[in-house]
Amino acid sequence: MSGKIVNLSRVRKTRAREDKRRRGDENAAKFGRSKAERAMQDARAEKDSAHLDAHKRDGADQE
């Protein structure tokens, strides 16, 4: 036998770390948004809310 001695526990842990990182990268590409995109969505939601609030009738809430 002329092979390199390998610590199986270390190989298993390294493989698990690589798999976890790969899955994380896939999820980031699939679900992640940049900071600018999140800020834009928050600003749009705030603007839409303000627009709706500006068009409320005064007596409509009280019945």
C-alpha atoms as a PDB file:
ATOM      1  CA  MET A   1       0.000   0.000   0.000  1.00  0.00           C
ATOM      2  CA  SER A   2       1.491   3.226  -1.109  1.00  0.00           C
ATOM      3  CA  GLY A   3      -1.093   5.791  -0.157  1.00  0.00           C
ATOM      4  CA  LYS A   4      -1.380   8.892   1.860  1.00  0.00           C
ATOM      5  CA  ILE A   5      -2.653   8.508   5.411  1.00  0.00           C
ATOM      6  CA  VAL A   6      -5.886  10.453   5.793  1.00  0.00           C
ATOM      7  CA  ASN A   7      -7.797  11.356   8.918  1.00  0.00           C
ATOM      8  CA  LEU A   8     -11.337  10.328   7.982  1.00  0.00           C
ATOM      9  CA  SER A   9     -12.927  12.556  10.589  1.00  0.00           C
ATOM     10  CA  ARG A  10     -11.184  15.615   9.160  1.00  0.00           C
ATOM     11  CA  VAL A  11     -12.169  14.672   5.606  1.00  0.00           C
ATOM     12  CA  ARG A  12     -15.792  14.201   6.655  1.00  0.00           C
ATOM     13  CA  LYS A  13     -15.897  17.563   8.442  1.00  0.00           C
ATOM     14  CA  THR A  14     -14.269  19.342   5.498  1.00  0.00           C
ATOM     15  CA  ARG A  15     -16.758  17.829   3.083  1.00  0.00           C
ATOM     16  CA  ALA A  16     -19.660  18.850   5.356  1.00  0.00           C
ATOM     17  CA  ARG A  17     -18.347  22.436   5.511  1.00  0.00           C
ATOM     18  CA  GLU A  18     -18.026  22.595   1.733  1.00  0.00           C
ATOM     19  CA  ASP A  19     -21.563  21.257   1.266  1.00  0.00           C
ATOM     20  CA  LYS A  20     -22.967  23.739   3.767  1.00  0.00           C
ATOM     21  CA  ARG A  21     -21.174  26.638   2.083  1.00  0.00           C
ATOM     22  CA  ARG A  22     -22.385  25.502  -1.350  1.00  0.00           C
ATOM     23  CA  ARG A  23     -25.994  25.310  -0.134  1.00  0.00           C
ATOM     24  CA  GLY A  24     -25.658  28.742   1.449  1.00  0.00           C
ATOM     25  CA  ASP A  25     -24.332  30.217  -1.792  1.00  0.00           C
ATOM     26  CA  GLU A  26     -27.217  28.664  -3.730  1.00  0.00           C
ATOM     27  CA  ASN A  27     -29.751  30.081  -1.271  1.00  0.00           C
ATOM     28  CA  ALA A  28     -28.133  33.506  -1.389  1.00  0.00           C
ATOM     29  CA  ALA A  29     -28.392  33.528  -5.161  1.00  0.00           C
ATOM     30  CA  LYS A  30     -31.974  32.284  -5.066  1.00  0.00           C
ATOM     31  CA  PHE A  31     -33.442  34.324  -2.194  1.00  0.00           C
ATOM     32  CA  GLY A  32     -30.954  37.060  -1.384  1.00  0.00           C
ATOM     33  CA  ARG A  33     -31.415  40.717  -2.162  1.00  0.00           C
ATOM     34  CA  SER A  34     -28.846  43.451  -2.126  1.00  0.00           C
ATOM     35  CA  LYS A  35     -28.972  46.214   0.440  1.00  0.00           C
ATOM     36  CA  ALA A  36     -30.054  48.687  -2.233  1.00  0.00           C
ATOM     37  CA  GLU A  37     -32.941  46.437  -3.274  1.00  0.00           C
ATOM     38  CA  ARG A  38     -34.141  46.110   0.332  1.00  0.00           C
ATOM     39  CA  ALA A  39     -33.912  49.881   0.842  1.00  0.00           C
ATOM     40  CA  MET A  40     -35.826  50.511  -2.388  1.00  0.00           C
ATOM     41  CA  GLN A  41     -38.598  48.120  -1.388  1.00  0.00           C
ATOM     42  CA  ASP A  42     -38.856  49.688   2.074  1.00  0.00           C
ATOM     43  CA  ALA A  43     -39.029  53.178   0.562  1.00  0.00           C
ATOM     44  CA  ARG A  44     -41.742  52.117  -1.875  1.00  0.00           C
ATOM     45  CA  ALA A  45     -43.786  50.515   0.901  1.00  0.00           C
ATOM     46  CA  GLU A  46     -43.498  53.647   3.027  1.00  0.00           C
ATOM     47  CA  LYS A  47     -44.500  55.862   0.090  1.00  0.00           C
ATOM     48  CA  ASP A  48     -47.495  53.654  -0.714  1.00  0.00           C
ATOM     49  CA  SER A  49     -48.598  53.677   2.914  1.00  0.00           C
ATOM     50  CA  ALA A  50     -48.336  57.464   3.083  1.00  0.00           C
ATOM     51  CA  HIS A  51     -50.281  57.753  -0.176  1.00  0.00           C
ATOM     52  CA  LEU A  52     -53.113  55.591   1.178  1.00  0.00           C
ATOM     53  CA  ASP A  53     -53.162  57.435   4.495  1.00  0.00           C
ATOM     54  CA  ALA A  54     -53.447  60.755   2.661  1.00  0.00           C
ATOM     55  CA  HIS A  55     -56.602  59.562   0.906  1.00  0.00           C
ATOM     56  CA  LYS A  56     -58.488  58.365   3.978  1.00  0.00           C
ATOM     57  CA  ARG A  57     -61.804  59.953   4.734  1.00  0.00           C
ATOM     58  CA  ASP A  58     -62.155  61.570   8.121  1.00  0.00           C
ATOM     59  CA  GLY A  59     -65.425  59.945   9.200  1.00  0.00           C
ATOM     60  CA  ALA A  60     -64.952  56.561   7.532  1.00  0.00           C
ATOM     61  CA  ASP A  61     -63.119  55.021  10.495  1.00  0.00           C
ATOM     62  CA  GLN A  62     -65.778  55.908  13.062  1.00  0.00           C
ATOM     63  CA  GLU A  63     -69.102  54.110  12.811  1.00  0.00           C
END
